[in-house]
Amino acid sequence: MPKGFLERLAEGPVLGDGGYLLELEKRGYVQAGPFTPEVAIEHPE
């Protein structure tokens, strides 16, 4: 059986494209706002 996200996170850093962050926010685990890169706020284009 494949490892879950929390199991992978317990083993060390987990890389992703950012979509996981939106899913974690939807499930109530994190707030995505603090993780928004500053460049995305200053240069949204």
C-alpha atoms as a PDB file:
ATOM      1  CA  MET A   1       0.000   0.000   0.000  1.00  0.00           C
ATOM      2  CA  PRO A   2       1.386   3.470  -0.872  1.00  0.00           C
ATOM      3  CA  LYS A   3       2.502   5.774   1.909  1.00  0.00           C
ATOM      4  CA  GLY A   4       0.157   8.570   2.938  1.00  0.00           C
ATOM      5  CA  PHE A   5       1.078  12.233   3.024  1.00  0.00           C
ATOM      6  CA  LEU A   6       1.586  12.327   6.794  1.00  0.00           C
ATOM      7  CA  GLU A   7       3.847   9.266   6.664  1.00  0.00           C
ATOM      8  CA  ARG A   8       5.969  10.897   3.964  1.00  0.00           C
ATOM      9  CA  LEU A   9       6.057  14.168   5.897  1.00  0.00           C
ATOM     10  CA  ALA A  10       7.269  12.352   9.009  1.00  0.00           C
ATOM     11  CA  GLU A  11      10.220  11.000   6.994  1.00  0.00           C
ATOM     12  CA  GLY A  12      11.424  14.446   5.888  1.00  0.00           C
ATOM     13  CA  PRO A  13      10.693  17.210   3.378  1.00  0.00           C
ATOM     14  CA  VAL A  14       7.915  16.636   0.849  1.00  0.00           C
ATOM     15  CA  LEU A  15       8.022  18.443  -2.503  1.00  0.00           C
ATOM     16  CA  GLY A  16       4.906  19.242  -4.485  1.00  0.00           C
ATOM     17  CA  ASP A  17       3.400  21.704  -6.954  1.00  0.00           C
ATOM     18  CA  GLY A  18       1.299  23.547  -4.375  1.00  0.00           C
ATOM     19  CA  GLY A  19      -1.964  21.771  -5.117  1.00  0.00           C
ATOM     20  CA  TYR A  20      -1.520  19.721  -1.967  1.00  0.00           C
ATOM     21  CA  LEU A  21      -1.574  22.960   0.044  1.00  0.00           C
ATOM     22  CA  LEU A  22      -5.012  23.880  -1.301  1.00  0.00           C
ATOM     23  CA  GLU A  23      -6.312  20.413  -0.439  1.00  0.00           C
ATOM     24  CA  LEU A  24      -4.872  20.592   3.090  1.00  0.00           C
ATOM     25  CA  GLU A  25      -6.530  23.995   3.560  1.00  0.00           C
ATOM     26  CA  LYS A  26      -9.844  22.606   2.318  1.00  0.00           C
ATOM     27  CA  ARG A  27      -9.574  19.818   4.891  1.00  0.00           C
ATOM     28  CA  GLY A  28      -8.721  22.303   7.647  1.00  0.00           C
ATOM     29  CA  TYR A  29      -5.108  21.241   8.302  1.00  0.00           C
ATOM     30  CA  VAL A  30      -3.383  24.520   7.298  1.00  0.00           C
ATOM     31  CA  GLN A  31      -4.093  28.094   6.248  1.00  0.00           C
ATOM     32  CA  ALA A  32      -2.806  28.702   2.717  1.00  0.00           C
ATOM     33  CA  GLY A  33      -2.557  32.498   3.107  1.00  0.00           C
ATOM     34  CA  PRO A  34       0.704  32.475   5.111  1.00  0.00           C
ATOM     35  CA  PHE A  35       2.276  30.223   2.454  1.00  0.00           C
ATOM     36  CA  THR A  36       1.524  32.536  -0.501  1.00  0.00           C
ATOM     37  CA  PRO A  37       4.826  33.596  -2.092  1.00  0.00           C
ATOM     38  CA  GLU A  38       5.446  37.334  -1.812  1.00  0.00           C
ATOM     39  CA  VAL A  39       6.096  37.600  -5.550  1.00  0.00           C
ATOM     40  CA  ALA A  40       2.579  36.297  -6.274  1.00  0.00           C
ATOM     41  CA  ILE A  41       1.122  39.091  -4.161  1.00  0.00           C
ATOM     42  CA  GLU A  42       3.291  41.852  -5.615  1.00  0.00           C
ATOM     43  CA  HIS A  43       3.175  40.648  -9.262  1.00  0.00           C
ATOM     44  CA  PRO A  44      -0.057  38.649  -9.780  1.00  0.00           C
ATOM     45  CA  GLU A  45       0.331  38.658 -13.572  1.00  0.00           C
END
